[in-house]
């Protein structure tokens, strides 16, 4: 009897070991797939750093790989070639790509509201109207920052072509160098505002574009960054996309609620330094809006751009199939 019990014990141990080697069964009935994601160095990628960390640790439902780039020009060709499946891009670029690719790109979520600010070394500007007669050093010509600046100036009675002198620069660092040398006024996004404030003690935030936009009560929201997906990929893997969106949403909530810890992850993934990120995150308007909830604010924002310059949205307002609403 003892011999039989001993044999049974050994058999049970072997079964247990084999079960352990087999690994845990997948959660639910959703097959894990590889999803390749691109992001930019800035607020549009800050919200995904917890997801990036979890993916690195093998703690996500899908297998995610990430590419962080310095400009959208590095990501869009890869998206169109099928080398990326999802990307965090400037809001208006999503519409441009939709219109220029026979509707091959869809909007997954809004991830960043207005990160644009007017800063100055003096104390003369407290509203958009105060910019009349001023010189503004700015970056972002031909993209969201320029369209937002022109719209807000016009809505506050300032002609952007006659009442202000906008000096366009290729990099925010050029504007910072001018402010260091002679002072003045500049338009720049976060986290560059924070970087500039760390170099210039007398630099103050004069105007928050998001607040100025909301005051107009025009039925739209200032949107800076979004997530887009290849339509073919989304159609092929709807359940995996749903899982991704849940995990991404949790990541954005973590970043906003745990700023110090999130800042360390922002530096870990080479987006910006932790010291900068910790100060900048509260002013980056990192958010998550998806499904039917994103349709109205995004459509309203694109309508404002379209009225200024149809080319800003790719020549036409996107149709309903632009919005990924499962």
C-alpha atoms as a PDB file:
ATOM      1  CA  UNK A   1       0.000   0.000   0.000  1.00  0.00           C
ATOM      2  CA  UNK A   2       2.757   2.436   0.914  1.00  0.00           C
ATOM      3  CA  UNK A   3       4.426   1.679  -2.409  1.00  0.00           C
ATOM      4  CA  UNK A   4       1.200   2.392  -4.302  1.00  0.00           C
ATOM      5  CA  UNK A   5       0.666   5.681  -2.414  1.00  0.00           C
ATOM      6  CA  UNK A   6       4.210   6.703  -3.165  1.00  0.00           C
ATOM      7  CA  UNK A   7       3.708   5.986  -6.868  1.00  0.00           C
ATOM      8  CA  UNK A   8       0.458   7.980  -6.913  1.00  0.00           C
ATOM      9  CA  UNK A   9       2.184  10.898  -5.190  1.00  0.00           C
ATOM     10  CA  UNK A  10       4.963  10.910  -7.781  1.00  0.00           C
ATOM     11  CA  UNK A  11       2.386  10.740 -10.598  1.00  0.00           C
ATOM     12  CA  UNK A  12       0.448  13.715  -9.190  1.00  0.00           C
ATOM     13  CA  UNK A  13       3.648  15.711  -8.848  1.00  0.00           C
ATOM     14  CA  UNK A  14       4.514  15.002 -12.495  1.00  0.00           C
ATOM     15  CA  UNK A  15       1.046  16.091 -13.643  1.00  0.00           C
ATOM     16  CA  UNK A  16       1.362  19.282 -11.623  1.00  0.00           C
ATOM     17  CA  UNK A  17       4.794  20.033 -13.065  1.00  0.00           C
ATOM     18  CA  UNK A  18       3.598  19.438 -16.609  1.00  0.00           C
ATOM     19  CA  UNK A  19       0.618  21.718 -16.056  1.00  0.00           C
ATOM     20  CA  UNK A  20       2.938  24.414 -14.748  1.00  0.00           C
ATOM     21  CA  UNK A  21       5.163  24.126 -17.799  1.00  0.00           C
ATOM     22  CA  UNK A  22       2.150  24.515 -20.050  1.00  0.00           C
ATOM     23  CA  UNK A  23       1.588  28.024 -18.692  1.00  0.00           C
ATOM     24  CA  UNK A  24      -1.611  29.816 -17.747  1.00  0.00           C
ATOM     25  CA  UNK A  25      -4.442  29.639 -20.260  1.00  0.00           C
ATOM     26  CA  UNK A  26      -5.153  32.851 -22.182  1.00  0.00           C
ATOM     27  CA  UNK A  27      -7.626  35.211 -20.584  1.00  0.00           C
ATOM     28  CA  UNK A  28     -11.046  35.022 -22.181  1.00  0.00           C
ATOM     29  CA  UNK A  29     -11.267  33.926 -25.792  1.00  0.00           C
ATOM     30  CA  UNK A  30      -9.172  36.683 -27.374  1.00  0.00           C
ATOM     31  CA  UNK A  31      -6.045  35.490 -29.125  1.00  0.00           C
ATOM     32  CA  UNK A  32      -2.977  37.605 -28.414  1.00  0.00           C
ATOM     33  CA  UNK A  33      -1.439  39.306 -31.456  1.00  0.00           C
ATOM     34  CA  UNK A  34       1.548  41.550 -32.066  1.00  0.00           C
ATOM     35  CA  UNK A  35       0.597  45.217 -32.340  1.00  0.00           C
ATOM     36  CA  UNK A  36       3.287  47.636 -33.540  1.00  0.00           C
ATOM     37  CA  UNK A  37       2.834  51.140 -32.155  1.00  0.00           C
ATOM     38  CA  UNK A  38       4.559  54.404 -33.037  1.00  0.00           C
ATOM     39  CA  UNK A  39       4.727  57.551 -30.931  1.00  0.00           C
ATOM     40  CA  UNK A  40       6.363  60.969 -30.827  1.00  0.00           C
ATOM     41  CA  UNK A  41       8.697  62.422 -28.223  1.00  0.00           C
ATOM     42  CA  UNK A  42       6.236  64.588 -26.329  1.00  0.00           C
ATOM     43  CA  UNK A  43       2.814  64.578 -24.674  1.00  0.00           C
ATOM     44  CA  UNK A  44       1.179  62.342 -27.306  1.00  0.00           C
ATOM     45  CA  UNK A  45       3.361  59.442 -26.109  1.00  0.00           C
ATOM     46  CA  UNK A  46       3.527  60.244 -22.400  1.00  0.00           C
ATOM     47  CA  UNK A  47       0.138  58.683 -21.773  1.00  0.00           C
ATOM     48  CA  UNK A  48       1.285  55.266 -23.008  1.00  0.00           C
ATOM     49  CA  UNK A  49       4.399  54.825 -20.844  1.00  0.00           C
ATOM     50  CA  UNK A  50       2.714  52.555 -18.298  1.00  0.00           C
ATOM     51  CA  UNK A  51       1.528  50.351 -21.163  1.00  0.00           C
ATOM     52  CA  UNK A  52       5.067  50.347 -22.553  1.00  0.00           C
ATOM     53  CA  UNK A  53       6.429  49.259 -19.185  1.00  0.00           C
ATOM     54  CA  UNK A  54       3.817  46.530 -18.768  1.00  0.00           C
ATOM     55  CA  UNK A  55       4.525  45.268 -22.294  1.00  0.00           C
ATOM     56  CA  UNK A  56       8.239  45.090 -21.557  1.00  0.00           C
ATOM     57  CA  UNK A  57       7.447  43.001 -18.464  1.00  0.00           C
ATOM     58  CA  UNK A  58       5.167  40.691 -20.452  1.00  0.00           C
ATOM     59  CA  UNK A  59       2.103  41.759 -18.473  1.00  0.00           C
ATOM     60  CA  UNK A  60      -0.185  42.800 -21.351  1.00  0.00           C
ATOM     61  CA  UNK A  61      -2.839  40.796 -23.140  1.00  0.00           C
ATOM     62  CA  UNK A  62      -1.386  41.547 -26.575  1.00  0.00           C
ATOM     63  CA  UNK A  63       2.277  41.651 -27.536  1.00  0.00           C
ATOM     64  CA  UNK A  64       3.185  45.314 -28.093  1.00  0.00           C
ATOM     65  CA  UNK A  65       6.297  46.773 -29.683  1.00  0.00           C
ATOM     66  CA  UNK A  66       6.938  50.525 -29.682  1.00  0.00           C
ATOM     67  CA  UNK A  67       8.865  52.995 -31.813  1.00  0.00           C
ATOM     68  CA  UNK A  68       9.388  56.533 -30.494  1.00  0.00           C
ATOM     69  CA  UNK A  69      10.284  59.091 -33.158  1.00  0.00           C
ATOM     70  CA  UNK A  70      11.226  62.746 -33.250  1.00  0.00           C
ATOM     71  CA  UNK A  71       8.736  63.746 -35.939  1.00  0.00           C
ATOM     72  CA  UNK A  72       5.558  62.484 -37.559  1.00  0.00           C
ATOM     73  CA  UNK A  73       7.406  62.242 -40.883  1.00  0.00           C
ATOM     74  CA  UNK A  74       9.265  59.239 -39.460  1.00  0.00           C
ATOM     75  CA  UNK A  75       6.068  57.401 -38.529  1.00  0.00           C
ATOM     76  CA  UNK A  76       3.574  58.061 -41.320  1.00  0.00           C
ATOM     77  CA  UNK A  77       5.487  56.171 -44.078  1.00  0.00           C
ATOM     78  CA  UNK A  78       5.779  53.130 -41.804  1.00  0.00           C
ATOM     79  CA  UNK A  79       2.076  53.270 -41.034  1.00  0.00           C
ATOM     80  CA  UNK A  80       1.199  53.406 -44.719  1.00  0.00           C
ATOM     81  CA  UNK A  81       3.584  50.576 -45.577  1.00  0.00           C
ATOM     82  CA  UNK A  82       2.072  48.358 -42.894  1.00  0.00           C
ATOM     83  CA  UNK A  83       5.205  48.451 -40.734  1.00  0.00           C
ATOM     84  CA  UNK A  84       3.176  50.043 -37.902  1.00  0.00           C
ATOM     85  CA  UNK A  85      -0.389  49.251 -36.894  1.00  0.00           C
ATOM     86  CA  UNK A  86      -1.167  52.152 -34.547  1.00  0.00           C
ATOM     87  CA  UNK A  87       0.437  55.577 -34.139  1.00  0.00           C
ATOM     88  CA  UNK A  88       0.101  58.640 -31.934  1.00  0.00           C
ATOM     89  CA  UNK A  89       0.054  61.636 -34.289  1.00  0.00           C
ATOM     90  CA  UNK A  90      -0.992  65.308 -34.500  1.00  0.00           C
ATOM     91  CA  UNK A  91      -4.786  65.577 -34.658  1.00  0.00           C
ATOM     92  CA  UNK A  92      -5.127  67.215 -38.069  1.00  0.00           C
ATOM     93  CA  UNK A  93      -2.631  64.788 -39.616  1.00  0.00           C
ATOM     94  CA  UNK A  94      -5.053  61.944 -38.887  1.00  0.00           C
ATOM     95  CA  UNK A  95      -7.640  63.586 -41.140  1.00  0.00           C
ATOM     96  CA  UNK A  96      -5.044  64.389 -43.806  1.00  0.00           C
ATOM     97  CA  UNK A  97      -3.944  60.758 -43.934  1.00  0.00           C
ATOM     98  CA  UNK A  98      -7.546  59.553 -44.077  1.00  0.00           C
ATOM     99  CA  UNK A  99      -8.265  61.782 -47.057  1.00  0.00           C
ATOM    100  CA  UNK A 100      -4.999  61.066 -48.854  1.00  0.00           C
ATOM    101  CA  UNK A 101      -5.020  57.263 -48.523  1.00  0.00           C
ATOM    102  CA  UNK A 102      -8.486  56.303 -49.724  1.00  0.00           C
ATOM    103  CA  UNK A 103      -9.703  56.050 -46.120  1.00  0.00           C
ATOM    104  CA  UNK A 104      -7.039  53.560 -45.025  1.00  0.00           C
ATOM    105  CA  UNK A 105      -6.547  55.319 -41.668  1.00  0.00           C
ATOM    106  CA  UNK A 106      -9.092  55.512 -38.844  1.00  0.00           C
ATOM    107  CA  UNK A 107      -9.214  57.495 -35.620  1.00  0.00           C
ATOM    108  CA  UNK A 108      -8.938  55.273 -32.526  1.00  0.00           C
ATOM    109  CA  UNK A 109      -8.898  57.831 -29.723  1.00  0.00           C
ATOM    110  CA  UNK A 110      -8.143  61.404 -28.704  1.00  0.00           C
ATOM    111  CA  UNK A 111      -5.128  61.324 -26.402  1.00  0.00           C
ATOM    112  CA  UNK A 112      -4.003  64.930 -25.933  1.00  0.00           C
ATOM    113  CA  UNK A 113      -5.868  68.225 -25.770  1.00  0.00           C
ATOM    114  CA  UNK A 114      -4.185  71.600 -26.153  1.00  0.00           C
ATOM    115  CA  UNK A 115      -0.537  71.606 -25.090  1.00  0.00           C
ATOM    116  CA  UNK A 116       0.152  75.007 -26.665  1.00  0.00           C
ATOM    117  CA  UNK A 117       0.956  78.133 -24.672  1.00  0.00           C
ATOM    118  CA  UNK A 118       2.003  81.747 -25.090  1.00  0.00           C
ATOM    119  CA  UNK A 119       4.960  82.548 -22.844  1.00  0.00           C
ATOM    120  CA  UNK A 120       6.755  85.837 -22.231  1.00  0.00           C
ATOM    121  CA  UNK A 121       9.604  87.276 -20.241  1.00  0.00           C
ATOM    122  CA  UNK A 122       7.564  90.363 -19.298  1.00  0.00           C
ATOM    123  CA  UNK A 123       4.079  90.972 -17.935  1.00  0.00           C
ATOM    124  CA  UNK A 124       2.218  92.535 -20.864  1.00  0.00           C
ATOM    125  CA  UNK A 125       0.171  89.630 -22.188  1.00  0.00           C
ATOM    126  CA  UNK A 126      -2.768  88.190 -20.268  1.00  0.00           C
ATOM    127  CA  UNK A 127      -5.117  87.346 -23.155  1.00  0.00           C
ATOM    128  CA  UNK A 128      -5.018  86.754 -26.890  1.00  0.00           C
ATOM    129  CA  UNK A 129      -6.198  90.337 -27.469  1.00  0.00           C
ATOM    130  CA  UNK A 130      -3.035  91.591 -25.731  1.00  0.00           C
ATOM    131  CA  UNK A 131      -0.939  90.129 -28.549  1.00  0.00           C
ATOM    132  CA  UNK A 132      -1.996  92.886 -30.939  1.00  0.00           C
ATOM    133  CA  UNK A 133       1.082  94.802 -32.082  1.00  0.00           C
ATOM    134  CA  UNK A 134       3.472  92.196 -30.683  1.00  0.00           C
ATOM    135  CA  UNK A 135       6.154  89.979 -32.203  1.00  0.00           C
ATOM    136  CA  UNK A 136       5.623  86.265 -31.534  1.00  0.00           C
ATOM    137  CA  UNK A 137       8.356  83.671 -31.980  1.00  0.00           C
ATOM    138  CA  UNK A 138       6.684  80.395 -32.879  1.00  0.00           C
ATOM    139  CA  UNK A 139       7.100  76.836 -34.141  1.00  0.00           C
ATOM    140  CA  UNK A 140       4.646  74.581 -35.944  1.00  0.00           C
ATOM    141  CA  UNK A 141       3.992  76.481 -39.158  1.00  0.00           C
ATOM    142  CA  UNK A 142       1.551  74.590 -41.365  1.00  0.00           C
ATOM    143  CA  UNK A 143       0.342  72.367 -38.550  1.00  0.00           C
ATOM    144  CA  UNK A 144      -1.897  72.456 -35.470  1.00  0.00           C
ATOM    145  CA  UNK A 145      -0.015  75.243 -33.617  1.00  0.00           C
ATOM    146  CA  UNK A 146      -0.319  77.689 -36.533  1.00  0.00           C
ATOM    147  CA  UNK A 147      -3.998  76.937 -37.125  1.00  0.00           C
ATOM    148  CA  UNK A 148      -4.784  77.263 -33.424  1.00  0.00           C
ATOM    149  CA  UNK A 149      -2.864  80.544 -33.144  1.00  0.00           C
ATOM    150  CA  UNK A 150      -4.518  82.112 -36.170  1.00  0.00           C
ATOM    151  CA  UNK A 151      -7.988  81.020 -35.092  1.00  0.00           C
ATOM    152  CA  UNK A 152      -7.644  82.322 -31.529  1.00  0.00           C
ATOM    153  CA  UNK A 153      -6.198  85.625 -32.722  1.00  0.00           C
ATOM    154  CA  UNK A 154      -9.042  86.159 -35.183  1.00  0.00           C
ATOM    155  CA  UNK A 155     -11.680  85.239 -32.606  1.00  0.00           C
ATOM    156  CA  UNK A 156     -10.196  87.863 -30.283  1.00  0.00           C
ATOM    157  CA  UNK A 157     -10.197  90.637 -32.865  1.00  0.00           C
ATOM    158  CA  UNK A 158      -6.556  90.372 -33.902  1.00  0.00           C
ATOM    159  CA  UNK A 159      -5.628  89.982 -37.576  1.00  0.00           C
ATOM    160  CA  UNK A 160      -2.806  87.402 -37.657  1.00  0.00           C
ATOM    161  CA  UNK A 161      -1.505  88.814 -40.929  1.00  0.00           C
ATOM    162  CA  UNK A 162      -1.607  92.516 -40.083  1.00  0.00           C
ATOM    163  CA  UNK A 163      -1.763  93.027 -36.320  1.00  0.00           C
ATOM    164  CA  UNK A 164       1.061  90.727 -35.184  1.00  0.00           C
ATOM    165  CA  UNK A 165       4.507  89.794 -36.453  1.00  0.00           C
ATOM    166  CA  UNK A 166       4.818  85.988 -36.284  1.00  0.00           C
ATOM    167  CA  UNK A 167       8.435  84.886 -36.609  1.00  0.00           C
ATOM    168  CA  UNK A 168       8.428  81.171 -37.488  1.00  0.00           C
ATOM    169  CA  UNK A 169      11.261  79.015 -36.180  1.00  0.00           C
ATOM    170  CA  UNK A 170      12.067  75.384 -36.936  1.00  0.00           C
ATOM    171  CA  UNK A 171      12.689  74.371 -33.305  1.00  0.00           C
ATOM    172  CA  UNK A 172      11.471  75.695 -29.915  1.00  0.00           C
ATOM    173  CA  UNK A 173      15.119  75.931 -28.860  1.00  0.00           C
ATOM    174  CA  UNK A 174      15.564  78.781 -31.348  1.00  0.00           C
ATOM    175  CA  UNK A 175      12.771  80.742 -29.676  1.00  0.00           C
ATOM    176  CA  UNK A 176      14.269  80.045 -26.248  1.00  0.00           C
ATOM    177  CA  UNK A 177      17.648  81.370 -27.401  1.00  0.00           C
ATOM    178  CA  UNK A 178      16.012  84.618 -28.544  1.00  0.00           C
ATOM    179  CA  UNK A 179      14.134  84.996 -25.261  1.00  0.00           C
ATOM    180  CA  UNK A 180      17.370  84.413 -23.353  1.00  0.00           C
ATOM    181  CA  UNK A 181      19.192  87.049 -25.382  1.00  0.00           C
ATOM    182  CA  UNK A 182      16.617  89.817 -25.601  1.00  0.00           C
ATOM    183  CA  UNK A 183      13.339  88.694 -24.001  1.00  0.00           C
ATOM    184  CA  UNK A 184      10.011  88.696 -25.764  1.00  0.00           C
ATOM    185  CA  UNK A 185       6.980  86.531 -26.468  1.00  0.00           C
ATOM    186  CA  UNK A 186       6.816  83.010 -27.869  1.00  0.00           C
ATOM    187  CA  UNK A 187       4.290  80.319 -28.692  1.00  0.00           C
ATOM    188  CA  UNK A 188       5.453  76.805 -27.815  1.00  0.00           C
ATOM    189  CA  UNK A 189       4.072  73.451 -26.701  1.00  0.00           C
ATOM    190  CA  UNK A 190       4.730  71.422 -23.594  1.00  0.00           C
ATOM    191  CA  UNK A 191       7.125  70.017 -22.556  1.00  0.00           C
ATOM    192  CA  UNK A 192       9.232  72.728 -24.236  1.00  0.00           C
ATOM    193  CA  UNK A 193       7.527  75.336 -22.074  1.00  0.00           C
ATOM    194  CA  UNK A 194       8.847  73.542 -18.994  1.00  0.00           C
ATOM    195  CA  UNK A 195      12.322  73.203 -20.507  1.00  0.00           C
ATOM    196  CA  UNK A 196      12.355  76.937 -21.263  1.00  0.00           C
ATOM    197  CA  UNK A 197      11.195  77.829 -17.745  1.00  0.00           C
ATOM    198  CA  UNK A 198      14.050  75.775 -16.310  1.00  0.00           C
ATOM    199  CA  UNK A 199      16.466  77.936 -18.329  1.00  0.00           C
ATOM    200  CA  UNK A 200      14.752  81.309 -17.851  1.00  0.00           C
ATOM    201  CA  UNK A 201      13.692  82.268 -14.339  1.00  0.00           C
ATOM    202  CA  UNK A 202      11.609  85.195 -15.580  1.00  0.00           C
ATOM    203  CA  UNK A 203       9.618  83.245 -18.175  1.00  0.00           C
ATOM    204  CA  UNK A 204       5.901  83.095 -17.396  1.00  0.00           C
ATOM    205  CA  UNK A 205       2.960  81.352 -19.020  1.00  0.00           C
ATOM    206  CA  UNK A 206       0.779  84.148 -20.364  1.00  0.00           C
ATOM    207  CA  UNK A 207      -1.978  82.285 -22.250  1.00  0.00           C
ATOM    208  CA  UNK A 208      -3.206  78.680 -22.177  1.00  0.00           C
ATOM    209  CA  UNK A 209      -4.665  77.862 -25.616  1.00  0.00           C
ATOM    210  CA  UNK A 210      -6.982  75.191 -24.226  1.00  0.00           C
ATOM    211  CA  UNK A 211      -8.569  77.640 -21.804  1.00  0.00           C
ATOM    212  CA  UNK A 212      -8.855  80.317 -24.500  1.00  0.00           C
ATOM    213  CA  UNK A 213     -10.484  77.829 -26.868  1.00  0.00           C
ATOM    214  CA  UNK A 214     -13.011  76.732 -24.239  1.00  0.00           C
ATOM    215  CA  UNK A 215     -13.990  80.337 -23.490  1.00  0.00           C
ATOM    216  CA  UNK A 216     -15.208  80.716 -27.084  1.00  0.00           C
ATOM    217  CA  UNK A 217     -17.870  78.046 -26.469  1.00  0.00           C
ATOM    218  CA  UNK A 218     -17.862  77.147 -30.164  1.00  0.00           C
ATOM    219  CA  UNK A 219     -18.942  73.550 -29.710  1.00  0.00           C
ATOM    220  CA  UNK A 220     -15.451  72.190 -30.294  1.00  0.00           C
ATOM    221  CA  UNK A 221     -12.372  71.285 -28.281  1.00  0.00           C
ATOM    222  CA  UNK A 222      -8.742  72.101 -28.973  1.00  0.00           C
ATOM    223  CA  UNK A 223      -7.166  68.728 -29.750  1.00  0.00           C
ATOM    224  CA  UNK A 224      -3.448  68.222 -30.253  1.00  0.00           C
ATOM    225  CA  UNK A 225      -2.828  64.486 -30.399  1.00  0.00           C
ATOM    226  CA  UNK A 226      -4.717  61.349 -31.382  1.00  0.00           C
ATOM    227  CA  UNK A 227      -4.252  57.623 -31.896  1.00  0.00           C
ATOM    228  CA  UNK A 228      -4.821  56.282 -35.399  1.00  0.00           C
ATOM    229  CA  UNK A 229      -4.983  52.713 -36.685  1.00  0.00           C
ATOM    230  CA  UNK A 230      -4.721  51.067 -40.080  1.00  0.00           C
ATOM    231  CA  UNK A 231      -8.284  50.282 -41.099  1.00  0.00           C
ATOM    232  CA  UNK A 232      -7.281  46.866 -42.417  1.00  0.00           C
ATOM    233  CA  UNK A 233      -5.684  45.912 -39.103  1.00  0.00           C
ATOM    234  CA  UNK A 234      -8.629  47.168 -37.052  1.00  0.00           C
ATOM    235  CA  UNK A 235     -11.045  45.201 -39.202  1.00  0.00           C
ATOM    236  CA  UNK A 236      -8.982  42.042 -38.845  1.00  0.00           C
ATOM    237  CA  UNK A 237      -8.480  42.231 -35.073  1.00  0.00           C
ATOM    238  CA  UNK A 238     -11.448  44.038 -33.447  1.00  0.00           C
ATOM    239  CA  UNK A 239     -11.221  42.123 -30.150  1.00  0.00           C
ATOM    240  CA  UNK A 240      -7.506  42.775 -29.827  1.00  0.00           C
ATOM    241  CA  UNK A 241      -8.090  46.470 -30.563  1.00  0.00           C
ATOM    242  CA  UNK A 242     -10.711  46.569 -27.797  1.00  0.00           C
ATOM    243  CA  UNK A 243      -8.191  45.003 -25.414  1.00  0.00           C
ATOM    244  CA  UNK A 244      -5.535  47.503 -26.461  1.00  0.00           C
ATOM    245  CA  UNK A 245      -7.851  50.455 -25.879  1.00  0.00           C
ATOM    246  CA  UNK A 246      -8.694  49.214 -22.387  1.00  0.00           C
ATOM    247  CA  UNK A 247      -5.010  48.849 -21.540  1.00  0.00           C
ATOM    248  CA  UNK A 248      -4.150  52.192 -23.113  1.00  0.00           C
ATOM    249  CA  UNK A 249      -6.915  53.954 -21.175  1.00  0.00           C
ATOM    250  CA  UNK A 250      -5.594  52.463 -17.923  1.00  0.00           C
ATOM    251  CA  UNK A 251      -2.124  53.748 -18.843  1.00  0.00           C
ATOM    252  CA  UNK A 252      -3.313  57.337 -19.351  1.00  0.00           C
ATOM    253  CA  UNK A 253      -5.181  57.229 -16.042  1.00  0.00           C
ATOM    254  CA  UNK A 254      -2.048  55.965 -14.294  1.00  0.00           C
ATOM    255  CA  UNK A 255       0.098  58.740 -15.769  1.00  0.00           C
ATOM    256  CA  UNK A 256      -2.287  61.479 -14.613  1.00  0.00           C
ATOM    257  CA  UNK A 257      -2.683  59.976 -11.129  1.00  0.00           C
ATOM    258  CA  UNK A 258       0.961  59.013 -10.505  1.00  0.00           C
ATOM    259  CA  UNK A 259       2.979  61.863 -11.941  1.00  0.00           C
ATOM    260  CA  UNK A 260       6.326  61.213 -10.227  1.00  0.00           C
ATOM    261  CA  UNK A 261       6.345  57.521 -11.082  1.00  0.00           C
ATOM    262  CA  UNK A 262       5.126  58.184 -14.612  1.00  0.00           C
ATOM    263  CA  UNK A 263       7.870  60.778 -15.119  1.00  0.00           C
ATOM    264  CA  UNK A 264      10.480  58.099 -14.447  1.00  0.00           C
ATOM    265  CA  UNK A 265       8.912  55.921 -17.145  1.00  0.00           C
ATOM    266  CA  UNK A 266       8.815  58.867 -19.562  1.00  0.00           C
ATOM    267  CA  UNK A 267      12.590  59.143 -19.198  1.00  0.00           C
ATOM    268  CA  UNK A 268      13.076  55.371 -19.284  1.00  0.00           C
ATOM    269  CA  UNK A 269      11.532  55.243 -22.733  1.00  0.00           C
ATOM    270  CA  UNK A 270      13.530  58.216 -24.014  1.00  0.00           C
ATOM    271  CA  UNK A 271      10.618  60.631 -24.447  1.00  0.00           C
ATOM    272  CA  UNK A 272      11.858  63.467 -22.221  1.00  0.00           C
ATOM    273  CA  UNK A 273      13.864  63.669 -18.994  1.00  0.00           C
ATOM    274  CA  UNK A 274      12.014  62.774 -15.799  1.00  0.00           C
ATOM    275  CA  UNK A 275      12.678  66.187 -14.241  1.00  0.00           C
ATOM    276  CA  UNK A 276      10.980  67.865 -17.183  1.00  0.00           C
ATOM    277  CA  UNK A 277       8.165  65.335 -17.421  1.00  0.00           C
ATOM    278  CA  UNK A 278       7.232  65.652 -13.748  1.00  0.00           C
ATOM    279  CA  UNK A 279       6.740  69.392 -14.097  1.00  0.00           C
ATOM    280  CA  UNK A 280       5.116  69.201 -17.532  1.00  0.00           C
ATOM    281  CA  UNK A 281       2.586  66.360 -17.208  1.00  0.00           C
ATOM    282  CA  UNK A 282      -0.013  68.434 -15.275  1.00  0.00           C
ATOM    283  CA  UNK A 283      -0.056  70.913 -18.181  1.00  0.00           C
ATOM    284  CA  UNK A 284      -0.073  68.404 -21.060  1.00  0.00           C
ATOM    285  CA  UNK A 285      -3.817  67.663 -20.983  1.00  0.00           C
ATOM    286  CA  UNK A 286      -3.225  63.926 -21.427  1.00  0.00           C
ATOM    287  CA  UNK A 287      -6.628  62.324 -21.897  1.00  0.00           C
ATOM    288  CA  UNK A 288      -8.530  59.385 -23.360  1.00  0.00           C
ATOM    289  CA  UNK A 289     -11.660  59.806 -25.458  1.00  0.00           C
ATOM    290  CA  UNK A 290     -12.773  56.994 -27.759  1.00  0.00           C
ATOM    291  CA  UNK A 291     -15.807  55.466 -29.468  1.00  0.00           C
ATOM    292  CA  UNK A 292     -18.830  57.663 -29.995  1.00  0.00           C
ATOM    293  CA  UNK A 293     -17.555  60.141 -27.392  1.00  0.00           C
ATOM    294  CA  UNK A 294     -14.737  61.308 -29.668  1.00  0.00           C
ATOM    295  CA  UNK A 295     -16.869  61.992 -32.740  1.00  0.00           C
ATOM    296  CA  UNK A 296     -18.370  65.346 -31.750  1.00  0.00           C
ATOM    297  CA  UNK A 297     -15.244  67.024 -30.297  1.00  0.00           C
ATOM    298  CA  UNK A 298     -13.006  65.847 -33.128  1.00  0.00           C
ATOM    299  CA  UNK A 299     -15.480  66.797 -35.828  1.00  0.00           C
ATOM    300  CA  UNK A 300     -15.916  70.228 -34.235  1.00  0.00           C
ATOM    301  CA  UNK A 301     -12.173  70.783 -34.069  1.00  0.00           C
ATOM    302  CA  UNK A 302     -11.602  69.699 -37.664  1.00  0.00           C
ATOM    303  CA  UNK A 303     -14.468  71.968 -38.778  1.00  0.00           C
ATOM    304  CA  UNK A 304     -12.662  74.970 -37.296  1.00  0.00           C
ATOM    305  CA  UNK A 305      -9.493  74.048 -39.200  1.00  0.00           C
ATOM    306  CA  UNK A 306     -11.424  73.379 -42.406  1.00  0.00           C
ATOM    307  CA  UNK A 307     -12.976  76.853 -42.317  1.00  0.00           C
ATOM    308  CA  UNK A 308      -9.501  78.365 -42.064  1.00  0.00           C
ATOM    309  CA  UNK A 309      -7.809  76.184 -44.656  1.00  0.00           C
ATOM    310  CA  UNK A 310      -9.279  72.980 -46.135  1.00  0.00           C
ATOM    311  CA  UNK A 311      -5.746  71.676 -46.707  1.00  0.00           C
ATOM    312  CA  UNK A 312      -5.305  71.562 -42.924  1.00  0.00           C
ATOM    313  CA  UNK A 313      -7.576  68.510 -42.820  1.00  0.00           C
ATOM    314  CA  UNK A 314      -6.654  67.012 -46.182  1.00  0.00           C
ATOM    315  CA  UNK A 315      -9.036  68.978 -48.381  1.00  0.00           C
ATOM    316  CA  UNK A 316     -12.331  67.683 -47.040  1.00  0.00           C
ATOM    317  CA  UNK A 317     -14.046  66.883 -43.776  1.00  0.00           C
ATOM    318  CA  UNK A 318     -13.738  63.155 -43.015  1.00  0.00           C
ATOM    319  CA  UNK A 319     -16.842  60.966 -43.282  1.00  0.00           C
ATOM    320  CA  UNK A 320     -18.321  58.884 -40.472  1.00  0.00           C
ATOM    321  CA  UNK A 321     -16.089  55.901 -41.262  1.00  0.00           C
ATOM    322  CA  UNK A 322     -13.094  57.982 -40.156  1.00  0.00           C
ATOM    323  CA  UNK A 323     -14.100  57.239 -36.576  1.00  0.00           C
ATOM    324  CA  UNK A 324     -13.420  53.745 -35.258  1.00  0.00           C
ATOM    325  CA  UNK A 325     -16.615  53.011 -33.359  1.00  0.00           C
ATOM    326  CA  UNK A 326     -17.028  49.235 -32.858  1.00  0.00           C
END
